[in-house]
C-alpha atoms as a PDB file:
ATOM      1  CA  PRO A   1      44.029  53.618 -15.083  1.00  0.00           C
ATOM      2  CA  THR A   2      46.034  56.533 -14.497  1.00  0.00           C
ATOM      3  CA  THR A   3      43.420  58.362 -12.826  1.00  0.00           C
ATOM      4  CA  CYS A   4      44.813  57.481  -9.408  1.00  0.00           C
ATOM      5  CA  ASP A   5      41.649  59.196  -7.770  1.00  0.00           C
ATOM      6  CA  THR A   6      39.571  56.256  -9.272  1.00  0.00           C
ATOM      7  CA  CYS A   7      40.924  53.822  -6.350  1.00  0.00           C
ATOM      8  CA  HIS A   8      42.956  56.513  -3.738  1.00  0.00           C
ATOM      9  CA  LYS A   9      41.273  59.226  -2.035  1.00  0.00           C
ATOM     10  CA  ASN A  10      43.365  62.684  -2.064  1.00  0.00           C
ATOM     11  CA  THR A  11      42.440  62.660   1.482  1.00  0.00           C
ATOM     12  CA  ASP A  12      43.928  59.226   2.164  1.00  0.00           C
ATOM     13  CA  ALA A  13      47.068  59.466   4.162  1.00  0.00           C
ATOM     14  CA  THR A  14      49.307  56.961   2.006  1.00  0.00           C
ATOM     15  CA  TRP A  15      48.561  55.127  -1.199  1.00  0.00           C
ATOM     16  CA  LEU A  16      48.101  51.744   0.465  1.00  0.00           C
ATOM     17  CA  LEU A  17      44.569  52.781   1.799  1.00  0.00           C
ATOM     18  CA  ALA A  18      43.151  52.852  -1.667  1.00  0.00           C
ATOM     19  CA  SER A  19      39.986  53.407  -0.138  1.00  0.00           C
ATOM     20  CA  ALA A  20      38.044  54.014  -3.329  1.00  0.00           C
ATOM     21  CA  PHE A  21      38.820  50.930  -5.331  1.00  0.00           C
ATOM     22  CA  ALA A  22      35.288  49.090  -5.548  1.00  0.00           C
ATOM     23  CA  HIS A  23      35.891  45.241  -6.491  1.00  0.00           C
ATOM     24  CA  ALA A  24      32.127  44.997  -7.226  1.00  0.00           C
ATOM     25  CA  THR A  25      32.435  47.346 -10.135  1.00  0.00           C
ATOM     26  CA  TYR A  26      34.765  44.681 -11.790  1.00  0.00           C
ATOM     27  CA  PHE A  27      33.495  41.798  -9.984  1.00  0.00           C
ATOM     28  CA  PRO A  28      31.172  41.393  -6.941  1.00  0.00           C
ATOM     29  CA  LEU A  29      32.857  39.651  -4.145  1.00  0.00           C
ATOM     30  CA  ALA A  30      30.908  37.215  -1.985  1.00  0.00           C
ATOM     31  CA  GLY A  31      31.121  33.830  -0.355  1.00  0.00           C
ATOM     32  CA  ALA A  32      34.476  32.517  -0.881  1.00  0.00           C
ATOM     33  CA  HIS A  33      35.750  35.155  -3.039  1.00  0.00           C
ATOM     34  CA  VAL A  34      35.723  37.340   0.001  1.00  0.00           C
ATOM     35  CA  THR A  35      38.564  35.709   2.436  1.00  0.00           C
ATOM     36  CA  ALA A  36      40.790  34.616  -0.552  1.00  0.00           C
ATOM     37  CA  PRO A  37      44.038  36.288  -1.051  1.00  0.00           C
ATOM     38  CA  CYS A  38      44.083  38.475  -4.227  1.00  0.00           C
ATOM     39  CA  ALA A  39      47.036  36.486  -5.602  1.00  0.00           C
ATOM     40  CA  GLN A  40      44.904  33.290  -5.337  1.00  0.00           C
ATOM     41  CA  CYS A  41      42.564  34.845  -8.334  1.00  0.00           C
ATOM     42  CA  HIS A  42      45.229  37.211 -10.067  1.00  0.00           C
ATOM     43  CA  LYS A  43      47.734  34.785 -11.215  1.00  0.00           C
ATOM     44  CA  ASN A  44      51.350  36.601 -12.061  1.00  0.00           C
ATOM     45  CA  GLY A  45      50.475  39.702 -10.892  1.00  0.00           C
ATOM     46  CA  ASN A  46      47.539  39.906 -13.557  1.00  0.00           C
ATOM     47  CA  PHE A  47      44.933  42.334 -12.423  1.00  0.00           C
ATOM     48  CA  ILE A  48      43.262  43.369 -15.632  1.00  0.00           C
ATOM     49  CA  SER A  49      42.044  40.191 -18.039  1.00  0.00           C
ATOM     50  CA  VAL A  50      40.999  38.112 -15.061  1.00  0.00           C
ATOM     51  CA  PRO A  51      37.685  36.165 -16.435  1.00  0.00           C
ATOM     52  CA  THR A  52      34.374  36.601 -14.658  1.00  0.00           C
ATOM     53  CA  SER A  53      32.257  34.691 -16.030  1.00  0.00           C
ATOM     54  CA  PRO A  54      31.157  31.617 -16.534  1.00  0.00           C
ATOM     55  CA  CYS A  55      32.511  30.235 -13.506  1.00  0.00           C
ATOM     56  CA  SER A  56      34.394  27.246 -15.222  1.00  0.00           C
ATOM     57  CA  ALA A  57      36.537  29.997 -17.192  1.00  0.00           C
ATOM     58  CA  CYS A  58      38.121  30.033 -13.449  1.00  0.00           C
ATOM     59  CA  HIS A  59      37.032  26.491 -11.903  1.00  0.00           C
ATOM     60  CA  GLN A  60      37.067  23.959 -14.698  1.00  0.00           C
ATOM     61  CA  ASN A  61      39.720  22.180 -13.074  1.00  0.00           C
ATOM     62  CA  ASP A  62      37.602  21.960 -10.074  1.00  0.00           C
ATOM     63  CA  TYR A  63      34.872  20.458 -12.136  1.00  0.00           C
ATOM     64  CA  ASN A  64      37.054  18.114 -13.900  1.00  0.00           C
ATOM     65  CA  THR A  65      38.937  16.762 -10.395  1.00  0.00           C
ATOM     66  CA  ALA A  66      35.520  17.020  -8.415  1.00  0.00           C
ATOM     67  CA  LYS A  67      34.783  13.665  -7.156  1.00  0.00           C
ATOM     68  CA  THR A  68      32.894  14.560  -3.817  1.00  0.00           C
ATOM     69  CA  PRO A  69      30.192  13.758  -3.539  1.00  0.00           C
ATOM     70  CA  VAL A  70      30.071  12.552  -7.114  1.00  0.00           C
ATOM     71  CA  ASP A  71      32.182  12.271 -10.102  1.00  0.00           C
ATOM     72  CA  HIS A  72      31.188  15.651 -12.073  1.00  0.00           C
ATOM     73  CA  ILE A  73      32.266  14.592 -15.440  1.00  0.00           C
ATOM     74  CA  ALA A  74      30.704  10.848 -15.056  1.00  0.00           C
ATOM     75  CA  SER A  75      27.280  12.608 -13.855  1.00  0.00           C
ATOM     76  CA  SER A  76      27.889  14.500 -16.897  1.00  0.00           C
ATOM     77  CA  PHE A  77      26.786  17.698 -14.585  1.00  0.00           C
ATOM     78  CA  PRO A  78      26.544  20.806 -16.493  1.00  0.00           C
ATOM     79  CA  THR A  79      29.738  23.082 -16.385  1.00  0.00           C
ATOM     80  CA  THR A  80      27.585  25.779 -15.274  1.00  0.00           C
ATOM     81  CA  CYS A  81      28.891  25.879 -11.552  1.00  0.00           C
ATOM     82  CA  ASP A  82      26.161  27.950 -10.040  1.00  0.00           C
ATOM     83  CA  SER A  83      23.817  25.564 -11.090  1.00  0.00           C
ATOM     84  CA  CYS A  84      24.326  23.681  -8.044  1.00  0.00           C
ATOM     85  CA  HIS A  85      27.058  25.940  -6.093  1.00  0.00           C
ATOM     86  CA  LYS A  86      25.886  29.747  -4.700  1.00  0.00           C
ATOM     87  CA  PHE A  87      27.862  32.505  -5.090  1.00  0.00           C
ATOM     88  CA  SER A  88      27.782  33.100  -1.476  1.00  0.00           C
ATOM     89  CA  ASP A  89      28.686  29.605  -0.387  1.00  0.00           C
ATOM     90  CA  ALA A  90      32.154  30.057   1.798  1.00  0.00           C
ATOM     91  CA  THR A  91      33.081  26.530   0.346  1.00  0.00           C
ATOM     92  CA  TRP A  92      32.216  24.292  -2.862  1.00  0.00           C
ATOM     93  CA  MET A  93      31.026  21.774  -0.117  1.00  0.00           C
ATOM     94  CA  LEU A  94      27.735  23.952   0.918  1.00  0.00           C
ATOM     95  CA  ALA A  95      26.160  22.794  -2.732  1.00  0.00           C
ATOM     96  CA  THR A  96      22.262  22.619  -3.186  1.00  0.00           C
ATOM     97  CA  PHE A  97      21.792  19.673  -5.641  1.00  0.00           C
ATOM     98  CA  SER A  98      18.308  19.979  -7.065  1.00  0.00           C
ATOM     99  CA  HIS A  99      17.369  15.975  -7.431  1.00  0.00           C
ATOM    100  CA  THR A 100      14.836  17.205 -10.430  1.00  0.00           C
ATOM    101  CA  THR A 101      14.545  14.332 -12.128  1.00  0.00           C
ATOM    102  CA  PHE A 102      13.858  12.180  -9.073  1.00  0.00           C
ATOM    103  CA  PRO A 103      11.975  12.991  -6.438  1.00  0.00           C
ATOM    104  CA  LEU A 104      13.469  12.322  -2.984  1.00  0.00           C
ATOM    105  CA  VAL A 105      10.938  11.249  -0.059  1.00  0.00           C
ATOM    106  CA  GLY A 106      11.041   8.322   2.154  1.00  0.00           C
ATOM    107  CA  PRO A 107      14.254   6.483   2.314  1.00  0.00           C
ATOM    108  CA  HIS A 108      15.373   7.902  -0.739  1.00  0.00           C
ATOM    109  CA  ALA A 109      15.818  11.432   1.250  1.00  0.00           C
ATOM    110  CA  THR A 110      18.161   9.978   3.605  1.00  0.00           C
ATOM    111  CA  ALA A 111      20.197   7.375   1.384  1.00  0.00           C
ATOM    112  CA  ALA A 112      23.721   8.239   0.413  1.00  0.00           C
ATOM    113  CA  CYS A 113      24.403   8.978  -3.305  1.00  0.00           C
ATOM    114  CA  ALA A 114      26.290   6.063  -3.542  1.00  0.00           C
ATOM    115  CA  THR A 115      23.739   3.728  -2.469  1.00  0.00           C
ATOM    116  CA  CYS A 116      21.505   4.322  -5.753  1.00  0.00           C
ATOM    117  CA  HIS A 117      23.952   5.089  -7.839  1.00  0.00           C
ATOM    118  CA  ASN A 118      26.016   1.960  -7.945  1.00  0.00           C
ATOM    119  CA  PRO A 119      25.189  -1.690  -8.474  1.00  0.00           C
ATOM    120  CA  PRO A 120      22.434  -3.367  -7.958  1.00  0.00           C
ATOM    121  CA  TYR A 121      20.456   0.116  -8.456  1.00  0.00           C
ATOM    122  CA  ALA A 122      22.610   1.571 -10.948  1.00  0.00           C
ATOM    123  CA  PRO A 123      23.520  -0.318 -14.170  1.00  0.00           C
ATOM    124  CA  SER A 124      27.377   0.415 -13.277  1.00  0.00           C
ATOM    125  CA  ALA A 125      29.521   1.765 -10.443  1.00  0.00           C
ATOM    126  CA  ASN A 126      29.365   5.382  -9.901  1.00  0.00           C
ATOM    127  CA  ASN A 127      26.713   6.331 -12.227  1.00  0.00           C
ATOM    128  CA  TYR A 128      24.933   9.246 -12.159  1.00  0.00           C
ATOM    129  CA  THR A 129      23.063   9.449 -15.611  1.00  0.00           C
ATOM    130  CA  ALA A 130      21.320   6.288 -16.349  1.00  0.00           C
ATOM    131  CA  VAL A 131      19.663   5.068 -13.309  1.00  0.00           C
ATOM    132  CA  PRO A 132      16.174   3.790 -13.724  1.00  0.00           C
ATOM    133  CA  THR A 133      13.567   6.369 -12.455  1.00  0.00           C
ATOM    134  CA  THR A 134      10.538   3.140 -12.199  1.00  0.00           C
ATOM    135  CA  CYS A 135      10.305   1.337  -9.082  1.00  0.00           C
ATOM    136  CA  TYR A 136      10.661  -1.608 -10.639  1.00  0.00           C
ATOM    137  CA  GLY A 137      13.609  -0.634 -12.292  1.00  0.00           C
ATOM    138  CA  CYS A 138      15.492  -0.698  -9.301  1.00  0.00           C
ATOM    139  CA  HIS A 139      14.008  -2.831  -7.452  1.00  0.00           C
ATOM    140  CA  VAL A 140      13.006  -6.279  -8.939  1.00  0.00           C
ATOM    141  CA  ARG A 141      15.395  -7.661  -6.369  1.00  0.00           C
ATOM    142  CA  ASP A 142      13.256  -6.913  -3.792  1.00  0.00           C
ATOM    143  CA  PHE A 143      10.017  -7.696  -5.641  1.00  0.00           C
ATOM    144  CA  THR A 144      11.226 -10.868  -6.497  1.00  0.00           C
ATOM    145  CA  GLY A 145      12.643 -11.893  -3.087  1.00  0.00           C
ATOM    146  CA  ALA A 146       9.676 -10.781  -1.083  1.00  0.00           C
ATOM    147  CA  THR A 147       8.123 -12.802   1.168  1.00  0.00           C
ATOM    148  CA  ALA A 148       6.614 -10.808   3.944  1.00  0.00           C
ATOM    149  CA  PRO A 149       3.609  -9.929   4.546  1.00  0.00           C
ATOM    150  CA  VAL A 150       3.162 -11.981   1.257  1.00  0.00           C
ATOM    151  CA  PRO A 151       4.607 -13.590  -1.631  1.00  0.00           C
ATOM    152  CA  HIS A 152       4.928 -11.131  -4.369  1.00  0.00           C
ATOM    153  CA  THR A 153       4.524 -13.370  -7.455  1.00  0.00           C
ATOM    154  CA  GLY A 154       1.656 -12.680  -9.444  1.00  0.00           C
ATOM    155  CA  PHE A 155       1.178  -8.988  -8.128  1.00  0.00           C
ATOM    156  CA  PRO A 156       1.788  -5.860 -10.767  1.00  0.00           C
ATOM    157  CA  THR A 157       5.515  -4.522 -10.943  1.00  0.00           C
ATOM    158  CA  THR A 158       4.119  -0.747 -10.357  1.00  0.00           C
ATOM    159  CA  CYS A 159       5.332  -1.123  -6.815  1.00  0.00           C
ATOM    160  CA  ASP A 160       3.567   1.713  -5.914  1.00  0.00           C
ATOM    161  CA  THR A 161       0.156   0.419  -6.540  1.00  0.00           C
ATOM    162  CA  CYS A 162       0.753  -0.855  -3.019  1.00  0.00           C
ATOM    163  CA  HIS A 163       3.946   1.187  -1.384  1.00  0.00           C
ATOM    164  CA  LYS A 164       3.817   4.923  -1.333  1.00  0.00           C
ATOM    165  CA  ASN A 165       6.929   6.471  -2.313  1.00  0.00           C
ATOM    166  CA  THR A 166       6.784   8.435   1.408  1.00  0.00           C
ATOM    167  CA  ASP A 167       6.740   5.050   3.276  1.00  0.00           C
ATOM    168  CA  ALA A 168       9.613   5.222   5.801  1.00  0.00           C
ATOM    169  CA  THR A 169       9.906   1.011   5.007  1.00  0.00           C
ATOM    170  CA  TRP A 170       8.557  -1.842   2.525  1.00  0.00           C
ATOM    171  CA  ALA A 171       7.256  -3.143   5.561  1.00  0.00           C
ATOM    172  CA  GLN A 172       4.404  -0.435   5.723  1.00  0.00           C
ATOM    173  CA  LYS A 173       2.559  -1.987   3.155  1.00  0.00           C
ATOM    174  CA  GLY A 174       1.774   1.596   1.510  1.00  0.00           C
ATOM    175  CA  SER A 175      -1.353   2.098   0.231  1.00  0.00           C
ATOM    176  CA  PHE A 176      -2.481  -1.793  -0.438  1.00  0.00           C
ATOM    177  CA  VAL A 177      -6.406  -1.552  -0.178  1.00  0.00           C
ATOM    178  CA  HIS A 178      -7.749  -5.114   0.252  1.00  0.00           C
ATOM    179  CA  ASN A 179     -11.284  -4.091  -0.189  1.00  0.00           C
ATOM    180  CA  ALA A 180     -10.637  -3.169  -4.134  1.00  0.00           C
ATOM    181  CA  TYR A 181     -10.254  -6.940  -4.707  1.00  0.00           C
ATOM    182  CA  PHE A 182     -12.213  -8.397  -1.320  1.00  0.00           C
ATOM    183  CA  ALA A 183     -13.939  -6.456   1.176  1.00  0.00           C
ATOM    184  CA  LEU A 184     -12.388  -7.793   4.897  1.00  0.00           C
ATOM    185  CA  ALA A 185     -15.340  -7.688   7.807  1.00  0.00           C
ATOM    186  CA  GLY A 186     -15.861 -10.071  10.361  1.00  0.00           C
ATOM    187  CA  ALA A 187     -13.883 -13.363  10.370  1.00  0.00           C
ATOM    188  CA  HIS A 188     -12.026 -12.093   7.644  1.00  0.00           C
ATOM    189  CA  ALA A 189     -10.955  -8.883   9.083  1.00  0.00           C
ATOM    190  CA  THR A 190      -9.215 -10.614  11.855  1.00  0.00           C
ATOM    191  CA  ALA A 191      -7.713 -13.549   9.695  1.00  0.00           C
ATOM    192  CA  PRO A 192      -4.173 -13.719   9.061  1.00  0.00           C
ATOM    193  CA  CYS A 193      -3.379 -13.530   5.149  1.00  0.00           C
ATOM    194  CA  THR A 194      -2.170 -17.183   5.073  1.00  0.00           C
ATOM    195  CA  GLN A 195      -5.477 -18.938   6.378  1.00  0.00           C
ATOM    196  CA  CYS A 196      -7.298 -17.861   3.329  1.00  0.00           C
ATOM    197  CA  HIS A 197      -4.331 -17.768   0.644  1.00  0.00           C
ATOM    198  CA  ASN A 198      -3.766 -21.391   1.099  1.00  0.00           C
ATOM    199  CA  PRO A 199      -5.590 -24.753   0.666  1.00  0.00           C
ATOM    200  CA  PRO A 200      -8.083 -25.178   1.488  1.00  0.00           C
ATOM    201  CA  TYR A 201      -9.353 -22.267   0.516  1.00  0.00           C
ATOM    202  CA  ALA A 202      -6.966 -21.147  -2.282  1.00  0.00           C
ATOM    203  CA  PRO A 203      -6.064 -23.257  -4.870  1.00  0.00           C
ATOM    204  CA  SER A 204      -2.804 -23.732  -4.100  1.00  0.00           C
ATOM    205  CA  PRO A 205      -0.031 -22.430  -1.684  1.00  0.00           C
ATOM    206  CA  ASN A 206       0.550 -18.774  -1.254  1.00  0.00           C
ATOM    207  CA  ASN A 207      -1.379 -17.912  -3.783  1.00  0.00           C
ATOM    208  CA  TYR A 208      -2.458 -14.409  -3.411  1.00  0.00           C
ATOM    209  CA  ILE A 209      -4.074 -14.114  -7.007  1.00  0.00           C
ATOM    210  CA  SER A 210      -6.595 -16.516  -7.880  1.00  0.00           C
ATOM    211  CA  VAL A 211      -8.647 -16.708  -4.545  1.00  0.00           C
ATOM    212  CA  PRO A 212     -11.907 -16.880  -5.185  1.00  0.00           C
ATOM    213  CA  THR A 213     -14.258 -14.121  -4.008  1.00  0.00           C
ATOM    214  CA  SER A 214     -17.554 -15.406  -4.621  1.00  0.00           C
ATOM    215  CA  PRO A 215     -19.838 -17.313  -3.881  1.00  0.00           C
ATOM    216  CA  CYS A 216     -19.254 -18.139   0.082  1.00  0.00           C
ATOM    217  CA  SER A 217     -18.956 -21.981  -1.021  1.00  0.00           C
ATOM    218  CA  ALA A 218     -16.193 -21.785  -3.378  1.00  0.00           C
ATOM    219  CA  CYS A 219     -14.370 -21.152  -0.191  1.00  0.00           C
ATOM    220  CA  HIS A 220     -16.215 -22.740   2.467  1.00  0.00           C
ATOM    221  CA  LEU A 221     -18.055 -25.799   1.100  1.00  0.00           C
ATOM    222  CA  THR A 222     -16.081 -27.945   3.271  1.00  0.00           C
ATOM    223  CA  ASP A 223     -17.494 -25.821   6.222  1.00  0.00           C
ATOM    224  CA  TYR A 224     -21.145 -26.161   5.174  1.00  0.00           C
ATOM    225  CA  ASN A 225     -20.665 -30.113   4.500  1.00  0.00           C
ATOM    226  CA  ASN A 226     -19.209 -30.622   8.110  1.00  0.00           C
ATOM    227  CA  ALA A 227     -21.678 -27.960   9.789  1.00  0.00           C
ATOM    228  CA  THR A 228     -23.878 -29.993  12.419  1.00  0.00           C
ATOM    229  CA  THR A 229     -24.618 -27.163  14.664  1.00  0.00           C
ATOM    230  CA  PRO A 230     -27.203 -25.839  15.387  1.00  0.00           C
ATOM    231  CA  VAL A 231     -28.194 -28.615  12.375  1.00  0.00           C
ATOM    232  CA  ASN A 232     -26.942 -30.673   9.755  1.00  0.00           C
ATOM    233  CA  HIS A 233     -26.792 -28.426   7.047  1.00  0.00           C
ATOM    234  CA  ILE A 234     -26.859 -31.052   4.338  1.00  0.00           C
ATOM    235  CA  ALA A 235     -29.412 -32.994   5.953  1.00  0.00           C
ATOM    236  CA  ALA A 236     -31.722 -30.189   6.519  1.00  0.00           C
ATOM    237  CA  GLY A 237     -31.199 -29.130   3.025  1.00  0.00           C
ATOM    238  CA  PHE A 238     -30.030 -25.680   3.406  1.00  0.00           C
ATOM    239  CA  PRO A 239     -28.607 -23.641   0.300  1.00  0.00           C
ATOM    240  CA  THR A 240     -24.934 -23.467  -0.166  1.00  0.00           C
ATOM    241  CA  THR A 241     -25.433 -19.835  -0.230  1.00  0.00           C
ATOM    242  CA  CYS A 242     -23.965 -19.103   3.040  1.00  0.00           C
ATOM    243  CA  ASP A 243     -25.014 -15.579   3.489  1.00  0.00           C
ATOM    244  CA  THR A 244     -28.487 -16.625   3.556  1.00  0.00           C
ATOM    245  CA  CYS A 245     -28.172 -17.214   6.966  1.00  0.00           C
ATOM    246  CA  HIS A 246     -24.869 -15.901   8.137  1.00  0.00           C
ATOM    247  CA  LYS A 247     -24.102 -12.670   7.680  1.00  0.00           C
ATOM    248  CA  PHE A 248     -20.569 -11.540   6.282  1.00  0.00           C
ATOM    249  CA  SER A 249     -19.855  -9.181   9.153  1.00  0.00           C
ATOM    250  CA  ASP A 250     -20.256 -12.095  11.958  1.00  0.00           C
ATOM    251  CA  ALA A 251     -17.241 -12.795  14.293  1.00  0.00           C
ATOM    252  CA  THR A 252     -18.086 -16.197  14.072  1.00  0.00           C
ATOM    253  CA  TRP A 253     -20.401 -19.046  12.180  1.00  0.00           C
ATOM    254  CA  LEU A 254     -22.157 -19.528  15.448  1.00  0.00           C
ATOM    255  CA  LEU A 255     -23.978 -15.981  14.904  1.00  0.00           C
ATOM    256  CA  GLY A 256     -25.956 -17.002  11.739  1.00  0.00           C
ATOM    257  CA  THR A 257     -29.462 -16.100  11.917  1.00  0.00           C
ATOM    258  CA  PHE A 258     -31.917 -18.465  10.174  1.00  0.00           C
ATOM    259  CA  ASN A 259     -35.174 -17.366   8.611  1.00  0.00           C
ATOM    260  CA  HIS A 260     -37.554 -20.294   9.262  1.00  0.00           C
ATOM    261  CA  THR A 261     -39.484 -18.950   6.376  1.00  0.00           C
ATOM    262  CA  TRP A 262     -41.446 -21.989   5.608  1.00  0.00           C
ATOM    263  CA  PHE A 263     -43.281 -22.315   8.630  1.00  0.00           C
ATOM    264  CA  PRO A 264     -43.689 -19.570  11.616  1.00  0.00           C
ATOM    265  CA  ILE A 265     -41.491 -20.454  14.863  1.00  0.00           C
ATOM    266  CA  THR A 266     -40.600 -17.458  16.394  1.00  0.00           C
ATOM    267  CA  SER A 267     -43.930 -16.806  18.562  1.00  0.00           C
ATOM    268  CA  GLY A 268     -46.974 -18.789  19.509  1.00  0.00           C
ATOM    269  CA  ASN A 269     -47.235 -22.810  20.452  1.00  0.00           C
ATOM    270  CA  HIS A 270     -44.707 -23.439  17.715  1.00  0.00           C
ATOM    271  CA  HIS A 271     -42.044 -21.255  19.212  1.00  0.00           C
ATOM    272  CA  VAL A 272     -40.296 -24.534  20.631  1.00  0.00           C
ATOM    273  CA  PRO A 273     -36.937 -26.476  20.003  1.00  0.00           C
ATOM    274  CA  CYS A 274     -35.941 -27.749  16.626  1.00  0.00           C
ATOM    275  CA  ASN A 275     -36.062 -31.342  17.734  1.00  0.00           C
ATOM    276  CA  GLN A 276     -39.610 -31.274  19.087  1.00  0.00           C
ATOM    277  CA  CYS A 277     -41.037 -30.798  15.354  1.00  0.00           C
ATOM    278  CA  HIS A 278     -37.647 -32.427  13.548  1.00  0.00           C
ATOM    279  CA  THR A 279     -37.883 -35.978  15.160  1.00  0.00           C
ATOM    280  CA  THR A 280     -35.751 -37.543  13.519  1.00  0.00           C
ATOM    281  CA  ALA A 281     -31.659 -37.584  14.592  1.00  0.00           C
ATOM    282  CA  ASN A 282     -29.830 -35.043  12.232  1.00  0.00           C
ATOM    283  CA  ASN A 283     -32.755 -34.751   9.625  1.00  0.00           C
ATOM    284  CA  TYR A 284     -34.690 -31.659   9.238  1.00  0.00           C
ATOM    285  CA  VAL A 285     -36.512 -32.413   5.814  1.00  0.00           C
ATOM    286  CA  LEU A 286     -38.688 -34.337   7.930  1.00  0.00           C
ATOM    287  CA  PHE A 287     -41.059 -33.318  10.769  1.00  0.00           C
ATOM    288  CA  ASN A 288     -43.838 -34.464  12.689  1.00  0.00           C
ATOM    289  CA  CYS A 289     -46.659 -32.473  13.680  1.00  0.00           C
ATOM    290  CA  ILE A 290     -48.952 -35.662  15.195  1.00  0.00           C
ATOM    291  CA  GLY A 291     -46.509 -35.965  17.870  1.00  0.00           C
ATOM    292  CA  CYS A 292     -48.071 -33.017  19.209  1.00  0.00           C
ATOM    293  CA  HIS A 293     -51.738 -32.892  17.615  1.00  0.00           C
ATOM    294  CA  THR A 294     -52.935 -36.398  18.862  1.00  0.00           C
ATOM    295  CA  ALA A 295     -55.894 -38.261  16.772  1.00  0.00           C
ATOM    296  CA  ALA A 296     -58.052 -37.529  19.812  1.00  0.00           C
ATOM    297  CA  GLN A 297     -57.377 -33.992  19.321  1.00  0.00           C
ATOM    298  CA  THR A 298     -57.549 -33.213  15.525  1.00  0.00           C
ATOM    299  CA  ASN A 299     -60.241 -35.871  14.467  1.00  0.00           C
ATOM    300  CA  SER A 300     -62.913 -33.794  16.079  1.00  0.00           C
ATOM    301  CA  HIS A 301     -61.769 -30.543  14.511  1.00  0.00           C
ATOM    302  CA  HIS A 302     -62.174 -32.230  10.870  1.00  0.00           C
ATOM    303  CA  THR A 303     -65.376 -33.545  10.763  1.00  0.00           C
ATOM    304  CA  GLY A 304     -66.645 -33.672   7.309  1.00  0.00           C
ATOM    305  CA  VAL A 305     -63.397 -32.205   5.804  1.00  0.00           C
ATOM    306  CA  ARG A 306     -62.928 -33.743   2.706  1.00  0.00           C
ATOM    307  CA  GLY A 307     -59.849 -35.753   2.295  1.00  0.00           C
ATOM    308  CA  TYR A 308     -58.859 -35.861   5.797  1.00  0.00           C
ATOM    309  CA  VAL A 309     -55.613 -37.771   6.990  1.00  0.00           C
ATOM    310  CA  TRP A 310     -54.359 -37.541  10.488  1.00  0.00           C
ATOM    311  CA  ALA A 311     -50.798 -37.020   9.029  1.00  0.00           C
ATOM    312  CA  SER A 312     -47.917 -34.758   9.157  1.00  0.00           C
ATOM    313  CA  THR A 313     -47.683 -34.404   5.662  1.00  0.00           C
ATOM    314  CA  ALA A 314     -51.243 -33.534   5.608  1.00  0.00           C
ATOM    315  CA  CYS A 315     -51.397 -31.291   8.293  1.00  0.00           C
ATOM    316  CA  TYR A 316     -48.696 -29.195   6.732  1.00  0.00           C
ATOM    317  CA  SER A 317     -50.541 -29.205   3.041  1.00  0.00           C
ATOM    318  CA  CYS A 318     -53.504 -27.600   5.049  1.00  0.00           C
ATOM    319  CA  HIS A 319     -52.130 -25.351   7.637  1.00  0.00           C
ATOM    320  CA  PRO A 320     -48.654 -24.143   6.017  1.00  0.00           C
ATOM    321  CA  ASN A 321     -48.456 -21.304   8.118  1.00  0.00           C
ATOM    322  CA  GLY A 322     -49.257 -22.998  11.273  1.00  0.00           C
ATOM    323  CA  ARG A 323     -52.727 -21.506  11.577  1.00  0.00           C
ATOM    324  CA  ALA A 324     -56.180 -23.034  12.195  1.00  0.00           C
ATOM    325  CA  GLY A 325     -59.015 -22.785   9.668  1.00  0.00           C
END
């Protein structure tokens, strides 16, 4: 304007002070614009019709040629530069891109952009638009190649069923809860995975899918068949429901607590070693009463008792609880 005092105060010592000119009236100066020489923005002495918005009106060429940290055109970034670059930033490189389409946590937070936006994770080089967002979409190779702590064949392909996206590494096993499939207690809590997930307990090697969970004998029938301590299980006619005697929380098989429900042995005169009554080696179906209860001792107590016979089976048929009378 020709109103000189719009910019020059009449108290200024020279024209060059132009102390009253307020650039913010037309375009606020902040960030890199503060230190840029006037001529950088006002080409060919044009101080009247320089565009003030949008950013791309001045910086379209910067957008077109931007390759760092990513190619802006290939990534289909918007031309509204201030979506990522703050007007107050001193340089373009201070941009704060909001990765809203995929949360960056765990290893994703520290990975270089090019790690995910190139094969094998992206479908093509420098791809910032069509990268999968599902775990399996990117990590199918990790899934199929996984061997530690177990092979993943047959596992669900929803990786976050077991791995948290906040985990620093895959090896943390994330949020896998074994109890959701089979509770781990006692000896199972300390056994290595491969002990149960291979024959003879699993139907095939490295099987983490179809291992039986019940009954106990589905896994431990061989243990039952071979058990001889403290008694031979087959000879004794023990049931194959192992948890009748063995608690699931026991650290070893030897902690089994057998309940002699058929005949009291925990107290009184019958609190004796097993082999004192079960005199036939390794056969606990047979028992002997008359080894201790001699004929001389018992006959006199059964005078007039109909059908009395001095025999172990007869003793038990009348005295199933071990008591007289």
